[in-house]
N, C-alpha and C. Protein backbone atom coordinates (compact mmCIF):
# COMPACT_ATOMS: atom_id res chain seq x y z
N MET A 1 3.10 -2.71 0.80
CA MET A 1 2.60 -2.24 1.89
C MET A 1 1.76 -0.86 1.74
N PHE A 2 2.56 -0.05 0.70
CA PHE A 2 1.87 1.21 0.25
C PHE A 2 1.05 1.04 -1.16
N SER A 3 0.26 1.66 -1.39
CA SER A 3 -0.38 1.76 -2.65
C SER A 3 0.57 2.19 -3.56
N LYS A 4 0.44 2.08 -4.90
CA LYS A 4 1.22 2.58 -5.88
C LYS A 4 1.05 3.76 -6.01
N ALA A 5 -0.08 4.43 -5.96
CA ALA A 5 -0.12 6.19 -5.91
C ALA A 5 0.55 6.80 -4.73
N CYS A 6 0.65 5.91 -3.43
CA CYS A 6 1.43 6.52 -2.40
C CYS A 6 2.72 6.53 -2.60
N GLU A 7 3.25 5.19 -3.03
CA GLU A 7 5.10 5.25 -3.43
C GLU A 7 4.99 6.36 -4.33
N TYR A 8 4.24 6.55 -5.52
CA TYR A 8 4.62 7.80 -6.43
C TYR A 8 4.31 9.01 -5.73
N GLY A 9 3.68 9.53 -4.78
CA GLY A 9 3.49 10.37 -4.00
C GLY A 9 4.66 10.89 -3.19
N ILE A 10 4.80 9.98 -2.39
CA ILE A 10 6.21 9.85 -1.58
C ILE A 10 7.41 10.34 -2.56
N ARG A 11 7.50 9.56 -3.59
CA ARG A 11 8.92 10.14 -4.47
C ARG A 11 8.69 11.44 -5.10
N ALA A 12 7.20 11.63 -5.60
CA ALA A 12 7.10 13.12 -6.03
C ALA A 12 7.49 13.99 -5.20
N SER A 13 7.04 13.74 -3.85
CA SER A 13 7.21 15.05 -2.60
C SER A 13 8.61 15.18 -2.62
N ILE A 14 9.38 14.13 -2.71
CA ILE A 14 11.11 14.27 -2.22
C ILE A 14 11.59 14.87 -3.58
N PHE A 15 11.02 14.47 -4.76
CA PHE A 15 11.86 15.18 -5.86
C PHE A 15 11.15 16.69 -5.89
N ILE A 16 10.05 17.21 -5.38
CA ILE A 16 9.72 18.30 -5.34
C ILE A 16 10.52 19.05 -4.20
N ALA A 17 10.60 18.52 -3.09
CA ALA A 17 11.46 19.13 -2.17
C ALA A 17 13.01 19.38 -2.43
N LEU A 18 13.76 18.35 -3.29
CA LEU A 18 15.00 18.49 -3.73
C LEU A 18 15.05 19.97 -4.47
N ASN A 19 14.23 20.02 -5.52
CA ASN A 19 14.11 21.02 -6.38
C ASN A 19 13.81 22.49 -5.80
N SER A 20 12.82 22.11 -4.34
CA SER A 20 12.57 23.73 -3.74
C SER A 20 13.53 24.17 -3.13
N PHE A 21 14.59 22.89 -2.53
CA PHE A 21 15.96 23.67 -1.76
C PHE A 21 16.66 24.45 -2.79
N GLU A 22 16.63 24.39 -4.17
CA GLU A 22 17.23 25.29 -5.06
C GLU A 22 16.35 26.39 -5.35
N GLY A 23 15.37 26.64 -5.09
CA GLY A 23 14.28 27.50 -5.51
C GLY A 23 13.81 27.40 -6.90
N ARG A 24 13.65 26.05 -7.32
CA ARG A 24 13.14 25.88 -8.70
C ARG A 24 11.93 24.83 -8.78
N ARG A 25 10.75 25.56 -9.30
CA ARG A 25 9.62 24.66 -9.38
C ARG A 25 9.77 23.76 -10.63
N VAL A 26 9.02 22.50 -10.22
CA VAL A 26 8.88 21.31 -11.21
C VAL A 26 7.59 21.46 -11.76
N THR A 27 7.62 20.92 -13.04
CA THR A 27 6.43 20.83 -14.00
C THR A 27 5.96 19.37 -13.59
N PRO A 28 4.58 19.15 -13.79
CA PRO A 28 4.03 17.62 -13.90
C PRO A 28 4.85 16.67 -14.83
N LYS A 29 5.09 17.17 -15.81
CA LYS A 29 5.90 16.25 -16.90
C LYS A 29 7.02 15.74 -16.15
N GLU A 30 7.95 16.71 -15.56
CA GLU A 30 9.25 16.51 -14.90
C GLU A 30 9.12 15.45 -13.82
N ILE A 31 8.31 15.79 -13.05
CA ILE A 31 7.89 14.74 -11.75
C ILE A 31 7.45 13.25 -12.59
N ALA A 32 6.73 13.26 -13.47
CA ALA A 32 6.46 11.89 -14.09
C ALA A 32 7.61 11.24 -14.51
N VAL A 33 8.43 12.02 -14.81
CA VAL A 33 9.66 11.44 -15.57
C VAL A 33 10.57 10.88 -14.75
N GLU A 34 10.86 11.71 -13.76
CA GLU A 34 11.82 11.48 -12.58
C GLU A 34 11.23 10.38 -11.69
N ILE A 35 9.82 10.35 -11.53
CA ILE A 35 9.50 9.05 -10.66
C ILE A 35 8.91 7.88 -11.41
N ASP A 36 8.99 7.99 -12.98
CA ASP A 36 8.73 6.82 -13.67
C ASP A 36 7.35 6.41 -13.37
N SER A 37 6.33 7.48 -13.55
CA SER A 37 5.02 7.38 -13.30
C SER A 37 4.12 7.78 -14.40
N PRO A 38 3.24 7.09 -14.77
CA PRO A 38 2.42 7.87 -16.18
C PRO A 38 1.90 9.36 -15.52
N ALA A 39 1.88 10.02 -16.72
CA ALA A 39 1.61 11.48 -16.52
C ALA A 39 0.21 11.92 -15.93
N ALA A 40 -0.72 11.19 -16.38
CA ALA A 40 -1.96 11.40 -15.97
C ALA A 40 -2.41 10.86 -14.48
N PHE A 41 -1.59 9.68 -13.85
CA PHE A 41 -1.63 9.29 -12.71
C PHE A 41 -1.05 10.16 -11.77
N THR A 42 0.22 10.71 -12.40
CA THR A 42 0.81 11.76 -11.51
C THR A 42 0.17 12.98 -11.35
N ALA A 43 -0.72 13.32 -12.25
CA ALA A 43 -1.59 14.52 -12.03
C ALA A 43 -2.43 14.56 -10.96
N LYS A 44 -3.19 13.37 -11.08
CA LYS A 44 -4.21 13.02 -9.95
C LYS A 44 -3.48 12.92 -8.30
N ILE A 45 -2.00 12.39 -8.34
CA ILE A 45 -1.39 12.37 -7.03
C ILE A 45 -1.03 13.81 -6.68
N LEU A 46 -0.44 14.54 -7.74
CA LEU A 46 -0.08 15.81 -7.36
C LEU A 46 -1.48 16.67 -6.92
N GLN A 47 -2.54 16.50 -7.29
CA GLN A 47 -3.92 17.17 -6.91
C GLN A 47 -3.98 16.81 -5.40
N ALA A 48 -3.93 15.38 -4.91
CA ALA A 48 -4.12 15.19 -3.67
C ALA A 48 -3.13 15.76 -2.71
N LEU A 49 -1.88 15.66 -3.08
CA LEU A 49 -0.86 16.49 -2.29
C LEU A 49 -1.01 17.88 -2.03
N VAL A 50 -1.60 18.56 -3.26
CA VAL A 50 -1.78 19.98 -3.28
C VAL A 50 -2.95 20.29 -2.26
N ARG A 51 -4.15 19.22 -2.50
CA ARG A 51 -5.35 19.60 -1.33
C ARG A 51 -4.95 19.42 -0.24
N ASN A 52 -4.05 18.52 0.18
CA ASN A 52 -3.67 18.27 1.82
C ASN A 52 -2.40 19.24 2.10
N LYS A 53 -2.10 20.28 1.15
CA LYS A 53 -1.22 21.43 1.58
C LYS A 53 0.32 21.02 1.81
N ILE A 54 0.63 19.84 0.88
CA ILE A 54 1.90 19.18 1.12
C ILE A 54 2.55 19.93 0.04
N VAL A 55 2.13 19.98 -0.85
CA VAL A 55 2.85 20.77 -2.15
C VAL A 55 2.03 21.82 -2.67
N ASN A 56 2.87 22.99 -2.92
CA ASN A 56 2.17 24.09 -3.60
C ASN A 56 1.89 24.11 -5.22
N SER A 57 1.00 24.50 -5.67
CA SER A 57 0.93 24.23 -7.15
C SER A 57 0.89 26.07 -7.67
N VAL A 58 1.82 26.43 -8.48
CA VAL A 58 1.81 27.79 -9.21
C VAL A 58 1.66 27.90 -10.68
N LYS A 59 0.62 28.69 -10.84
CA LYS A 59 0.11 28.65 -12.38
C LYS A 59 1.06 29.56 -13.06
N GLY A 60 0.99 29.60 -14.51
CA GLY A 60 1.74 30.50 -15.25
C GLY A 60 3.12 29.98 -15.87
N ALA A 61 3.43 31.02 -16.63
CA ALA A 61 4.60 30.87 -17.33
C ALA A 61 5.84 30.06 -16.51
N TYR A 62 5.98 30.67 -15.23
CA TYR A 62 6.89 30.08 -14.23
C TYR A 62 6.54 29.40 -13.28
N GLY A 63 5.21 28.40 -13.41
CA GLY A 63 4.48 28.01 -12.58
C GLY A 63 5.15 26.41 -12.29
N GLY A 64 4.64 25.77 -11.65
CA GLY A 64 5.04 24.42 -11.33
C GLY A 64 4.58 23.98 -9.87
N PHE A 65 5.33 22.94 -9.32
CA PHE A 65 5.32 22.48 -8.12
C PHE A 65 6.46 22.74 -7.12
N GLU A 66 5.79 23.41 -6.18
CA GLU A 66 7.24 23.61 -5.00
C GLU A 66 6.65 23.28 -3.52
N ILE A 67 7.65 23.23 -2.86
CA ILE A 67 7.32 23.26 -1.27
C ILE A 67 8.12 24.37 -0.62
N ASP A 68 7.41 25.14 0.32
CA ASP A 68 8.02 26.07 1.07
C ASP A 68 9.44 25.73 1.61
N LYS A 69 10.67 26.39 1.56
CA LYS A 69 11.59 25.79 2.12
C LYS A 69 11.83 25.69 3.69
N ASN A 70 10.96 26.55 4.28
CA ASN A 70 10.72 26.54 5.74
C ASN A 70 9.92 25.16 6.11
N LYS A 71 9.17 24.79 5.29
CA LYS A 71 8.48 23.67 5.55
C LYS A 71 8.79 22.32 5.43
N ILE A 72 9.52 22.18 4.44
CA ILE A 72 10.22 20.68 4.14
C ILE A 72 10.52 19.82 5.16
N ASN A 73 11.02 20.46 6.36
CA ASN A 73 11.30 19.51 7.45
C ASN A 73 10.48 19.26 8.45
N THR A 74 8.99 20.28 8.19
CA THR A 74 7.95 19.88 9.15
C THR A 74 7.04 18.84 8.35
N ILE A 75 7.35 18.41 7.11
CA ILE A 75 6.40 17.44 6.54
C ILE A 75 6.82 15.86 6.85
N LYS A 76 5.95 15.50 7.25
CA LYS A 76 6.44 13.74 7.77
C LYS A 76 5.84 12.79 6.41
N LEU A 77 6.50 11.76 6.51
CA LEU A 77 6.12 10.56 5.73
C LEU A 77 4.70 10.54 6.06
N SER A 78 4.39 10.43 7.38
CA SER A 78 2.74 10.06 7.34
C SER A 78 1.99 11.16 6.79
N ASP A 79 2.41 12.31 7.01
CA ASP A 79 1.40 13.39 5.90
C ASP A 79 1.06 13.20 4.74
N ILE A 80 2.11 12.45 3.91
CA ILE A 80 2.03 12.09 2.67
C ILE A 80 1.03 10.81 2.52
N VAL A 81 1.51 9.91 3.35
CA VAL A 81 0.72 8.69 3.39
C VAL A 81 -0.70 8.91 3.46
N ASP A 82 -1.18 9.75 4.73
CA ASP A 82 -2.41 10.23 4.91
C ASP A 82 -3.20 10.55 3.72
N ALA A 83 -2.59 11.68 3.10
CA ALA A 83 -2.99 12.41 2.07
C ALA A 83 -3.48 11.44 0.75
N ILE A 84 -2.63 10.43 0.70
CA ILE A 84 -2.93 9.60 -0.66
C ILE A 84 -3.92 8.28 -0.18
N ASP A 85 -3.36 7.67 1.08
CA ASP A 85 -3.86 6.30 1.50
C ASP A 85 -4.90 6.41 2.37
N GLY A 86 -4.78 7.60 3.28
CA GLY A 86 -5.64 7.59 4.30
C GLY A 86 -4.87 6.98 5.45
N ASP A 87 -5.70 6.56 6.68
CA ASP A 87 -4.86 5.57 7.57
C ASP A 87 -5.38 4.14 7.71
N ASN A 88 -5.70 3.56 6.47
CA ASN A 88 -5.70 2.24 6.33
C ASN A 88 -4.58 1.31 6.58
N ILE A 89 -3.53 1.87 6.30
CA ILE A 89 -2.24 0.96 6.32
C ILE A 89 -1.99 0.66 7.82
N TYR A 90 -2.59 1.57 8.93
CA TYR A 90 -2.72 1.24 10.24
C TYR A 90 -3.40 0.25 10.93
N LYS A 91 -4.59 0.11 10.02
CA LYS A 91 -5.95 -0.91 10.62
C LYS A 91 -5.96 -2.11 9.60
N GLY A 92 -5.47 -2.24 8.63
CA GLY A 92 -5.85 -3.55 7.84
C GLY A 92 -5.36 -4.64 8.24
N CYS A 93 -6.09 -5.58 8.25
CA CYS A 93 -5.46 -7.05 8.57
C CYS A 93 -4.21 -7.47 7.74
N GLY A 94 -3.37 -8.33 8.12
CA GLY A 94 -2.04 -8.70 7.44
C GLY A 94 -2.36 -9.77 6.70
N LEU A 95 -3.66 -10.16 6.47
CA LEU A 95 -4.31 -11.50 5.78
C LEU A 95 -4.92 -11.02 4.83
N GLY A 96 -5.59 -9.64 5.09
CA GLY A 96 -6.79 -8.95 4.04
C GLY A 96 -8.06 -9.62 4.45
N LEU A 97 -8.27 -10.10 5.69
CA LEU A 97 -9.36 -10.38 6.13
C LEU A 97 -10.42 -9.01 6.62
N LYS A 98 -11.54 -9.24 6.34
CA LYS A 98 -12.17 -8.21 6.68
C LYS A 98 -12.66 -7.93 7.94
N ALA A 99 -12.71 -9.16 9.13
CA ALA A 99 -13.31 -8.85 10.07
C ALA A 99 -11.83 -9.63 10.80
N CYS A 100 -11.08 -8.75 11.41
CA CYS A 100 -9.89 -9.30 12.21
C CYS A 100 -9.91 -8.05 13.24
N ASP A 101 -9.91 -8.55 14.48
CA ASP A 101 -9.38 -7.49 15.56
C ASP A 101 -9.11 -8.29 16.96
N GLU A 102 -8.86 -7.70 17.99
CA GLU A 102 -8.54 -8.42 19.32
C GLU A 102 -9.45 -9.26 19.73
N ASP A 103 -10.68 -9.15 19.40
CA ASP A 103 -11.67 -10.21 19.95
C ASP A 103 -11.64 -11.38 18.83
N ARG A 104 -11.31 -11.31 17.40
CA ARG A 104 -11.38 -12.43 16.58
C ARG A 104 -10.12 -12.26 15.79
N PRO A 105 -8.86 -12.55 16.07
CA PRO A 105 -7.44 -12.25 15.43
C PRO A 105 -7.57 -13.32 14.55
N CYS A 106 -6.84 -12.88 13.43
CA CYS A 106 -6.25 -13.84 12.46
C CYS A 106 -4.98 -14.50 12.96
N PRO A 107 -4.31 -15.49 12.29
CA PRO A 107 -3.42 -15.86 13.00
C PRO A 107 -2.19 -15.16 12.77
N MET A 108 -1.93 -14.16 12.26
CA MET A 108 -0.80 -13.24 12.09
C MET A 108 -1.27 -11.98 12.73
N HIS A 109 -2.35 -11.64 13.22
CA HIS A 109 -2.67 -10.53 13.96
C HIS A 109 -1.85 -9.74 15.17
N ASP A 110 -1.54 -10.67 15.93
CA ASP A 110 -0.34 -9.95 17.11
C ASP A 110 1.08 -9.53 16.51
N LYS A 111 1.51 -10.36 15.29
CA LYS A 111 2.58 -10.05 15.01
C LYS A 111 2.68 -8.85 14.04
N PHE A 112 1.42 -8.87 13.09
CA PHE A 112 1.42 -7.68 12.36
C PHE A 112 1.11 -6.50 13.07
N LYS A 113 0.36 -6.56 14.10
CA LYS A 113 0.25 -5.42 14.99
C LYS A 113 1.51 -4.65 15.45
N VAL A 114 2.38 -5.48 15.63
CA VAL A 114 3.66 -4.91 15.89
C VAL A 114 4.29 -4.15 14.63
N VAL A 115 4.22 -4.81 13.62
CA VAL A 115 4.80 -4.22 12.44
C VAL A 115 4.12 -2.93 12.06
N ARG A 116 2.62 -2.71 12.04
CA ARG A 116 1.92 -1.68 11.85
C ARG A 116 2.60 -0.56 12.95
N GLU A 117 2.82 -0.59 14.17
CA GLU A 117 3.19 0.20 15.04
C GLU A 117 4.33 0.69 14.76
N GLU A 118 5.31 -0.30 14.44
CA GLU A 118 6.70 0.24 13.96
C GLU A 118 6.72 1.37 12.91
N LEU A 119 5.77 0.73 11.99
CA LEU A 119 5.67 1.38 10.66
C LEU A 119 5.21 3.01 11.02
N LYS A 120 4.39 3.13 11.96
CA LYS A 120 3.56 4.31 12.00
C LYS A 120 4.73 5.24 12.62
N MET A 121 5.09 4.65 13.61
CA MET A 121 6.66 5.46 14.23
C MET A 121 7.34 6.08 13.44
N MET A 122 8.00 4.98 12.35
CA MET A 122 8.92 5.32 11.37
C MET A 122 8.25 6.59 10.50
N LEU A 123 6.88 6.58 10.25
CA LEU A 123 6.20 7.54 9.28
C LEU A 123 6.30 8.92 10.00
N GLU A 124 5.96 8.65 11.23
CA GLU A 124 5.81 9.94 12.16
C GLU A 124 7.04 10.58 12.50
N SER A 125 8.17 9.78 12.31
CA SER A 125 9.51 10.47 12.58
C SER A 125 10.37 10.69 11.82
N THR A 126 9.94 10.35 10.51
CA THR A 126 10.71 10.73 9.40
C THR A 126 10.17 11.93 8.51
N ASN A 127 11.12 12.83 8.27
CA ASN A 127 10.77 14.08 7.81
C ASN A 127 11.14 13.98 6.37
N LEU A 128 10.55 15.15 5.29
CA LEU A 128 10.85 15.02 3.77
C LEU A 128 12.27 15.54 3.63
N GLU A 129 12.70 16.59 4.70
CA GLU A 129 13.85 17.39 4.51
C GLU A 129 15.20 16.19 4.45
N ASP A 130 15.17 15.04 5.51
CA ASP A 130 16.10 14.19 5.81
C ASP A 130 16.00 13.17 4.50
N LEU A 131 15.21 12.98 4.03
CA LEU A 131 14.98 12.17 2.59
C LEU A 131 15.69 12.78 1.63
N ALA A 132 15.42 14.21 1.46
CA ALA A 132 15.68 14.86 0.19
C ALA A 132 17.16 15.05 0.28
N LEU A 133 17.81 15.38 1.76
CA LEU A 133 19.13 15.66 1.87
C LEU A 133 19.61 14.30 1.51
N ASP A 134 19.25 13.14 1.91
CA ASP A 134 20.06 11.94 1.60
C ASP A 134 20.33 11.61 0.22
N ILE A 135 19.48 12.22 -0.71
CA ILE A 135 19.70 12.08 -1.90
C ILE A 135 20.40 13.17 -2.45
N LYS A 136 20.51 14.49 -1.88
CA LYS A 136 21.31 15.28 -2.54
C LYS A 136 22.70 14.99 -2.10
N GLU A 137 23.12 14.18 -0.87
CA GLU A 137 24.37 14.23 -0.45
C GLU A 137 24.67 12.74 -1.44
N GLY A 138 23.82 12.13 -2.32
CA GLY A 138 24.30 10.95 -3.03
C GLY A 138 24.44 9.60 -2.10
N ASP A 139 23.49 9.45 -0.83
CA ASP A 139 23.46 8.63 -0.11
C ASP A 139 22.22 7.55 -0.51
N THR A 140 21.46 8.07 -1.04
CA THR A 140 20.23 7.33 -1.56
C THR A 140 19.80 7.79 -3.03
N PHE A 141 19.02 7.13 -3.68
CA PHE A 141 18.51 7.60 -4.81
C PHE A 141 16.97 7.44 -5.17
N LEU A 142 16.69 8.34 -6.04
CA LEU A 142 14.85 8.15 -6.33
C LEU A 142 14.83 7.21 -7.87
N ARG A 143 15.80 6.92 -8.66
CA ARG A 143 15.59 6.12 -9.77
C ARG A 143 16.86 5.03 -9.40
N ARG A 144 16.81 3.89 -10.19
CA ARG A 144 17.51 2.86 -10.32
C ARG A 144 18.61 3.03 -11.17
């Protein structure tokens, strides 16, 4: 459902949030290793997250990526998805048809419309802090 870049963007944001809780910045290499993503691809994803003000980039010897602790609970999954994939996930046809709408629906249109609406609600109601804390408490994992 999400692009590979978006999946990595979500995982990278969670990893950065986890470390930011502890006052630690993480390097692009650490992020790439943790989320099991190619380094160059991770760098492009991180640029998009910085450009969209989801994460901060600090240059220098003690630099890296971080998220302001006070901001972690305000960042919604929808913010990350929008930064990487835009809003196409809410508009596309379930069968991948170019012309699918209320006037000329595909066979899955009405069912997929419900799925898209529920997905949008979930993305808009889930914040980065909740996901990071679940990992910190050992309830969920970023790696297999």
